[in-house]
Amino acid sequence: MTQAMATSSAATAQPARSADYLALLKPRVMSLVVFTALTGLVCADTPMNPVMAIIAVVCIAVGAGASGALNMAYDSDIDALMRRTRGRPVPQGRISRADAAGFGVVLSLFSVMLMGLAVNWLAASLLAFTIVFYAVVYTMWLKRSTPQNIVIGGAAGALPPVVGWAAATGHVPLNALLLFAIIFVWTPPHFWALSLYTTTDYAKAGVPMMPVVKGAKSTRRQIFAYSLLLAPLGVAPVFTGLGGPLYAAVSIGGGALFLLLATRVLLSQAGEAGAEGPDGLYAIKPGAKAARDLFAVSILYLFALFAALLVEHGLSPLISHGL
């Protein structure tokens, strides 16, 4: 806490810039949220006014950004202690916690109300639930209290395609829930792979991530177990009619690669004492390379799955009609 206060005090003289407020929105996370939400909207295969579709996607993006701002406002104390997050605008003192929280609340209300008034109230309700779940249930409660934080809290990150689907159709069918399930099961191995080579940071900040509480060996086993579940789940849309030939090839090949990398993590020393590098997030020692590789490929895997669906449901119909 002393380090956090010192970091904040050292930077209080720096005025906030527009880039700082943009950083509050977690743009990299937002981009993935927008992409999966757009995929859900397109996969609904329901004609939608282009303006309404744009409004829906913008509302989801703003809602995701609002969640990020609220998260940064609340977590600024622990953010200041971690290499990965200490450069954020709130722990650096460029934006106060109150301003970040107010920014997040205003964006939350704006995105939910606009979604309800312009699109439909089911999508708005799901968006509101997503924001509250991430900002309150995950950030304020789960993150600091249980090593299952990322498992339960992953529901917030898994909901955007469901929100997109609901925006297009006004209901939530099985295939929308299947997209939710894929992201939900993908989240633990993705984030635990990251935590295996940033364990010291989480321990220093007092965040009970799985490697800190249960140890690296247990975490590696759980990553492998979730990967065994994820690989066939990723192929499931082929059998429900949601995914076509392209999706089948991507999901089978990607799932096999994911399992291979998860097996490497299982057999590695990732997360053990001395496996982390001394400087920088990616300055890791050879023992943690397997975890770093799985973390990086997991992002590509999820992107490839949803990109294949987007192509099959969005571009393929246009191509088949000669457009």
Protein backbone atom coordinates (compact mmCIF):
# COMPACT_ATOMS: atom_id res chain seq x y z
CA MET A 1 0.00 0.00 0.00
CA THR A 2 2.93 2.34 0.77
CA GLN A 3 4.33 1.81 -2.71
CA ALA A 4 0.90 2.50 -4.22
CA MET A 5 0.63 5.79 -2.31
CA ALA A 6 4.14 6.80 -3.30
CA THR A 7 3.49 6.05 -6.95
CA SER A 8 0.26 8.03 -6.86
CA SER A 9 1.81 11.00 -5.04
CA ALA A 10 4.71 11.17 -7.46
CA ALA A 11 2.36 11.58 -10.38
CA THR A 12 -0.39 13.80 -9.00
CA ALA A 13 0.98 16.86 -10.76
CA GLN A 14 0.43 15.28 -14.17
CA PRO A 15 -2.88 16.34 -15.72
CA ALA A 16 -5.16 13.75 -17.26
CA ARG A 17 -5.07 13.46 -21.03
CA SER A 18 -7.65 12.02 -23.40
CA ALA A 19 -5.35 9.00 -23.75
CA ASP A 20 -5.68 8.38 -20.00
CA TYR A 21 -9.46 8.24 -20.21
CA LEU A 22 -9.15 5.94 -23.20
CA ALA A 23 -6.86 3.70 -21.15
CA LEU A 24 -9.56 3.49 -18.46
CA LEU A 25 -11.75 1.72 -21.03
CA LYS A 26 -9.23 -1.12 -21.42
CA PRO A 27 -9.29 -0.84 -25.24
CA ARG A 28 -7.57 -4.18 -25.86
CA VAL A 29 -10.14 -6.02 -23.76
CA MET A 30 -12.90 -3.92 -25.32
CA SER A 31 -11.82 -4.93 -28.81
CA LEU A 32 -12.26 -8.63 -27.98
CA VAL A 33 -15.62 -7.92 -26.35
CA VAL A 34 -16.82 -6.02 -29.42
CA PHE A 35 -15.59 -8.76 -31.73
CA THR A 36 -17.39 -11.56 -29.87
CA ALA A 37 -20.54 -9.45 -29.48
CA LEU A 38 -20.56 -8.67 -33.20
CA THR A 39 -20.17 -12.37 -33.93
CA GLY A 40 -23.17 -13.16 -31.74
CA LEU A 41 -25.22 -10.49 -33.50
CA VAL A 42 -24.28 -11.76 -36.97
CA CYS A 43 -24.71 -15.45 -36.07
CA ALA A 44 -28.31 -14.74 -35.08
CA ASP A 45 -28.99 -14.63 -38.85
CA THR A 46 -31.78 -12.11 -38.26
CA PRO A 47 -32.20 -9.05 -40.52
CA MET A 48 -31.45 -5.94 -38.48
CA ASN A 49 -31.46 -2.28 -39.39
CA PRO A 50 -27.78 -1.34 -39.90
CA VAL A 51 -28.13 1.75 -37.73
CA MET A 52 -29.64 -0.30 -34.90
CA ALA A 53 -26.88 -2.89 -35.28
CA ILE A 54 -24.23 -0.18 -35.01
CA ILE A 55 -25.94 1.29 -31.95
CA ALA A 56 -26.05 -2.15 -30.33
CA VAL A 57 -22.34 -2.77 -30.91
CA VAL A 58 -21.45 0.74 -29.69
CA CYS A 59 -23.51 0.22 -26.53
CA ILE A 60 -21.72 -3.07 -25.85
CA ALA A 61 -18.34 -1.40 -26.42
CA VAL A 62 -19.20 1.50 -24.11
CA GLY A 63 -20.54 -0.90 -21.49
CA ALA A 64 -17.31 -2.90 -21.64
CA GLY A 65 -15.32 0.30 -21.28
CA ALA A 66 -17.45 1.34 -18.32
CA SER A 67 -16.68 -1.98 -16.64
CA GLY A 68 -12.98 -1.38 -17.19
CA ALA A 69 -13.14 2.12 -15.70
CA LEU A 70 -14.97 0.88 -12.61
CA ASN A 71 -12.47 -1.95 -12.25
CA MET A 72 -9.52 0.43 -12.43
CA ALA A 73 -11.09 2.80 -9.94
CA TYR A 74 -11.56 0.08 -7.35
CA ASP A 75 -8.33 -1.82 -8.01
CA SER A 76 -5.93 1.12 -8.16
CA ASP A 77 -4.27 0.07 -4.90
CA ILE A 78 -3.29 -3.36 -6.15
CA ASP A 79 -2.66 -2.13 -9.70
CA ALA A 80 0.14 0.05 -8.32
CA LEU A 81 1.93 -3.04 -6.99
CA MET A 82 1.95 -5.09 -10.19
CA ARG A 83 4.30 -4.73 -13.17
CA ARG A 84 1.48 -5.40 -15.62
CA THR A 85 -0.80 -2.67 -14.26
CA ARG A 86 1.26 -0.08 -12.41
CA GLY A 87 1.39 2.23 -15.45
CA ARG A 88 -2.39 2.67 -15.52
CA PRO A 89 -3.69 6.25 -15.10
CA VAL A 90 -5.26 5.86 -11.65
CA PRO A 91 -2.26 4.35 -9.78
CA GLN A 92 -0.07 6.87 -11.61
CA GLY A 93 -2.23 9.67 -10.21
CA ARG A 94 -3.26 11.18 -13.52
CA ILE A 95 -6.92 10.37 -12.84
CA SER A 96 -8.42 10.15 -9.35
CA ARG A 97 -10.34 7.09 -8.20
CA ALA A 98 -13.49 9.22 -7.85
CA ASP A 99 -13.20 10.54 -11.39
CA ALA A 100 -12.60 7.05 -12.79
CA ALA A 101 -15.59 5.70 -10.88
CA GLY A 102 -17.81 8.58 -12.00
CA PHE A 103 -16.70 8.09 -15.59
CA GLY A 104 -17.57 4.40 -15.36
CA VAL A 105 -21.01 5.03 -13.84
CA VAL A 106 -21.95 7.61 -16.46
CA LEU A 107 -20.87 5.34 -19.30
CA SER A 108 -22.74 2.40 -17.74
CA LEU A 109 -26.02 4.32 -17.51
CA PHE A 110 -25.60 5.73 -21.01
CA SER A 111 -24.89 2.37 -22.65
CA VAL A 112 -27.71 0.50 -20.91
CA MET A 113 -30.35 3.17 -21.44
CA LEU A 114 -29.45 3.67 -25.09
CA MET A 115 -29.51 -0.08 -25.69
CA GLY A 116 -32.94 -0.36 -24.11
CA LEU A 117 -34.49 2.62 -25.85
CA ALA A 118 -32.97 2.03 -29.29
CA VAL A 119 -32.69 -1.77 -29.51
CA ASN A 120 -34.54 -3.86 -26.90
CA TRP A 121 -34.70 -4.22 -23.14
CA LEU A 122 -33.57 -7.85 -23.01
CA ALA A 123 -30.22 -6.86 -24.53
CA ALA A 124 -30.09 -3.83 -22.22
CA SER A 125 -30.78 -6.00 -19.16
CA LEU A 126 -28.06 -8.46 -20.14
CA LEU A 127 -25.64 -5.58 -20.70
CA ALA A 128 -26.47 -4.13 -17.29
CA PHE A 129 -25.99 -7.55 -15.68
CA THR A 130 -22.61 -7.90 -17.39
CA ILE A 131 -21.40 -4.53 -16.09
CA VAL A 132 -22.61 -5.17 -12.53
CA PHE A 133 -21.22 -8.70 -12.49
CA TYR A 134 -17.76 -7.55 -13.59
CA ALA A 135 -17.56 -4.37 -11.53
CA VAL A 136 -19.22 -5.61 -8.34
CA VAL A 137 -19.27 -9.41 -8.17
CA TYR A 138 -15.86 -10.00 -9.74
CA THR A 139 -13.86 -6.84 -8.97
CA MET A 140 -15.17 -5.99 -5.50
CA TRP A 141 -15.81 -9.47 -4.18
CA LEU A 142 -14.36 -12.47 -6.01
CA LYS A 143 -11.01 -11.10 -7.12
CA ARG A 144 -9.71 -10.57 -3.60
CA SER A 145 -11.48 -13.42 -1.84
CA THR A 146 -11.15 -16.70 -3.77
CA PRO A 147 -8.84 -18.48 -6.22
CA GLN A 148 -11.99 -19.26 -8.20
CA ASN A 149 -12.26 -15.53 -8.99
CA ILE A 150 -11.46 -15.94 -12.66
CA VAL A 151 -13.71 -19.00 -13.03
CA ILE A 152 -16.88 -17.40 -11.69
CA GLY A 153 -15.97 -13.91 -12.84
CA GLY A 154 -15.43 -15.24 -16.36
CA ALA A 155 -19.19 -15.11 -16.86
CA ALA A 156 -18.92 -11.36 -17.45
CA GLY A 157 -16.46 -11.79 -20.30
CA ALA A 158 -18.52 -14.62 -21.79
CA LEU A 159 -21.78 -12.66 -22.06
CA PRO A 160 -21.08 -10.21 -24.95
CA PRO A 161 -22.04 -12.65 -27.76
CA VAL A 162 -25.26 -13.37 -25.87
CA VAL A 163 -25.95 -9.64 -25.63
CA GLY A 164 -25.28 -9.28 -29.35
CA TRP A 165 -27.61 -12.18 -30.17
CA ALA A 166 -30.33 -10.76 -27.94
CA ALA A 167 -29.94 -7.36 -29.60
CA ALA A 168 -30.64 -8.94 -33.00
CA THR A 169 -33.47 -11.28 -32.05
CA GLY A 170 -34.89 -10.30 -28.67
CA HIS A 171 -34.27 -13.77 -27.25
CA VAL A 172 -31.42 -16.10 -26.21
CA PRO A 173 -31.39 -19.54 -27.91
CA LEU A 174 -29.16 -22.54 -27.28
CA ASN A 175 -26.51 -21.48 -29.79
CA ALA A 176 -26.08 -18.14 -28.04
CA LEU A 177 -25.54 -19.97 -24.76
CA LEU A 178 -23.05 -22.24 -26.51
CA LEU A 179 -20.96 -19.21 -27.45
CA PHE A 180 -21.16 -18.14 -23.80
CA ALA A 181 -19.99 -21.60 -22.68
CA ILE A 182 -16.98 -21.60 -25.00
CA ILE A 183 -15.67 -18.27 -23.64
CA PHE A 184 -16.56 -19.24 -20.07
CA VAL A 185 -14.50 -22.46 -20.22
CA TRP A 186 -11.71 -20.76 -22.18
CA THR A 187 -11.21 -18.06 -19.53
CA PRO A 188 -9.55 -20.11 -16.71
CA PRO A 189 -6.76 -21.69 -18.78
CA HIS A 190 -6.17 -18.37 -20.52
CA PHE A 191 -5.77 -16.32 -17.34
CA TRP A 192 -4.12 -19.03 -15.25
CA ALA A 193 -1.46 -19.37 -17.94
CA LEU A 194 -0.77 -15.65 -17.48
CA SER A 195 -0.78 -15.98 -13.70
CA LEU A 196 1.81 -18.78 -13.84
CA TYR A 197 4.48 -16.37 -15.05
CA THR A 198 3.26 -13.36 -13.03
CA THR A 199 2.75 -15.19 -9.73
CA THR A 200 5.05 -12.89 -7.78
CA ASP A 201 3.03 -9.85 -8.84
CA TYR A 202 -0.24 -11.38 -7.69
CA ALA A 203 1.29 -12.52 -4.40
CA LYS A 204 2.74 -9.05 -3.77
CA ALA A 205 -0.66 -7.48 -4.40
CA GLY A 206 -2.47 -10.00 -2.20
CA VAL A 207 -4.65 -11.31 -5.04
CA PRO A 208 -5.48 -15.01 -4.40
CA MET A 209 -4.89 -16.26 -7.94
CA MET A 210 -4.73 -20.02 -8.27
CA PRO A 211 -0.90 -20.36 -8.33
CA VAL A 212 -0.62 -18.18 -5.22
CA VAL A 213 -3.17 -20.16 -3.20
CA LYS A 214 -2.99 -23.70 -4.57
CA GLY A 215 0.48 -23.72 -6.05
CA ALA A 216 1.87 -23.95 -9.56
CA LYS A 217 1.52 -27.72 -9.93
CA SER A 218 -2.18 -27.69 -9.07
CA THR A 219 -2.72 -24.75 -11.43
CA ARG A 220 -1.02 -26.57 -14.30
CA ARG A 221 -3.26 -29.58 -13.72
CA GLN A 222 -6.38 -27.43 -13.70
CA ILE A 223 -5.31 -25.68 -16.91
CA PHE A 224 -4.99 -29.09 -18.54
CA ALA A 225 -8.38 -30.23 -17.19
CA TYR A 226 -10.15 -27.14 -18.51
CA SER A 227 -8.36 -27.57 -21.84
CA LEU A 228 -9.66 -31.13 -22.11
CA LEU A 229 -13.17 -29.73 -21.70
CA LEU A 230 -12.62 -26.75 -24.00
CA ALA A 231 -11.36 -28.66 -27.05
CA PRO A 232 -14.58 -30.68 -27.65
CA LEU A 233 -16.77 -27.79 -26.52
CA GLY A 234 -15.16 -25.65 -29.18
CA VAL A 235 -16.24 -28.17 -31.82
CA ALA A 236 -19.82 -28.41 -30.51
CA PRO A 237 -21.25 -25.63 -32.75
CA VAL A 238 -20.62 -27.91 -35.74
CA PHE A 239 -23.21 -30.33 -34.35
CA THR A 240 -25.80 -27.68 -33.52
CA GLY A 241 -25.70 -26.18 -37.00
CA LEU A 242 -24.05 -22.97 -35.86
CA GLY A 243 -20.65 -23.79 -37.35
CA GLY A 244 -19.95 -24.98 -40.89
CA PRO A 245 -16.95 -26.59 -42.65
CA LEU A 246 -14.60 -23.66 -42.06
CA TYR A 247 -15.50 -23.55 -38.38
CA ALA A 248 -15.06 -27.33 -38.11
CA ALA A 249 -11.51 -27.13 -39.50
CA VAL A 250 -10.56 -24.19 -37.28
CA SER A 251 -12.08 -25.64 -34.11
CA ILE A 252 -10.56 -29.10 -34.55
CA GLY A 253 -7.11 -27.81 -35.50
CA GLY A 254 -7.17 -25.05 -32.89
CA GLY A 255 -8.42 -27.36 -30.18
CA ALA A 256 -5.64 -29.85 -30.92
CA LEU A 257 -3.02 -27.09 -30.72
CA PHE A 258 -4.55 -25.78 -27.48
CA LEU A 259 -4.37 -29.27 -25.96
CA LEU A 260 -0.78 -29.70 -27.10
CA LEU A 261 0.27 -26.44 -25.46
CA ALA A 262 -1.72 -27.26 -22.31
CA THR A 263 0.13 -30.57 -22.13
CA ARG A 264 3.44 -28.70 -22.40
CA VAL A 265 2.32 -26.50 -19.50
CA LEU A 266 1.34 -29.57 -17.47
CA LEU A 267 4.80 -31.06 -17.94
CA SER A 268 6.67 -27.77 -17.44
CA GLN A 269 7.98 -25.96 -14.38
CA ALA A 270 5.91 -22.84 -15.09
CA GLY A 271 5.02 -21.00 -11.92
CA GLU A 272 7.68 -22.67 -9.79
CA ALA A 273 10.09 -20.54 -7.77
CA GLY A 274 12.69 -19.00 -10.03
CA ALA A 275 10.70 -19.49 -13.24
CA GLU A 276 9.78 -15.82 -13.57
CA GLY A 277 11.99 -13.22 -15.15
CA PRO A 278 13.26 -10.26 -13.11
CA ASP A 279 12.15 -7.41 -15.34
CA GLY A 280 9.07 -6.80 -17.44
CA LEU A 281 6.00 -8.87 -18.09
CA TYR A 282 7.55 -10.84 -20.93
CA ALA A 283 11.08 -11.15 -19.55
CA ILE A 284 10.51 -14.71 -18.46
CA LYS A 285 12.88 -17.57 -17.86
CA PRO A 286 12.75 -20.77 -19.94
CA GLY A 287 10.74 -22.60 -17.27
CA ALA A 288 7.75 -20.31 -17.81
CA LYS A 289 7.86 -20.23 -21.61
CA ALA A 290 5.19 -22.93 -21.96
CA ALA A 291 2.72 -20.84 -19.97
CA ARG A 292 3.53 -17.71 -21.96
CA ASP A 293 3.01 -19.61 -25.22
CA LEU A 294 -0.36 -20.98 -24.11
CA PHE A 295 -1.51 -17.53 -23.03
CA ALA A 296 -0.60 -16.02 -26.40
CA VAL A 297 -2.07 -18.84 -28.48
CA SER A 298 -5.26 -18.93 -26.39
CA ILE A 299 -6.09 -15.42 -27.63
CA LEU A 300 -5.52 -16.46 -31.23
CA TYR A 301 -7.60 -19.60 -30.68
CA LEU A 302 -10.64 -17.71 -29.45
CA PHE A 303 -10.27 -15.10 -32.17
CA ALA A 304 -10.04 -17.81 -34.85
CA LEU A 305 -13.19 -19.57 -33.62
CA PHE A 306 -15.29 -16.43 -33.69
CA ALA A 307 -13.70 -15.20 -36.94
CA ALA A 308 -14.70 -18.46 -38.63
CA LEU A 309 -18.29 -18.03 -37.46
CA LEU A 310 -18.30 -14.42 -38.58
CA VAL A 311 -17.08 -15.41 -42.04
CA GLU A 312 -19.61 -18.23 -42.40
CA HIS A 313 -22.59 -16.20 -41.20
CA GLY A 314 -21.55 -12.77 -42.42
CA LEU A 315 -19.38 -12.99 -45.51
CA SER A 316 -20.43 -16.32 -47.00
CA PRO A 317 -24.07 -15.27 -47.64
CA LEU A 318 -22.84 -12.10 -49.36
CA ILE A 319 -20.43 -14.09 -51.52
CA SER A 320 -23.08 -16.66 -52.43
CA HIS A 321 -25.35 -13.85 -53.64
CA GLY A 322 -22.60 -12.33 -55.73
CA LEU A 323 -22.22 -9.20 -53.60
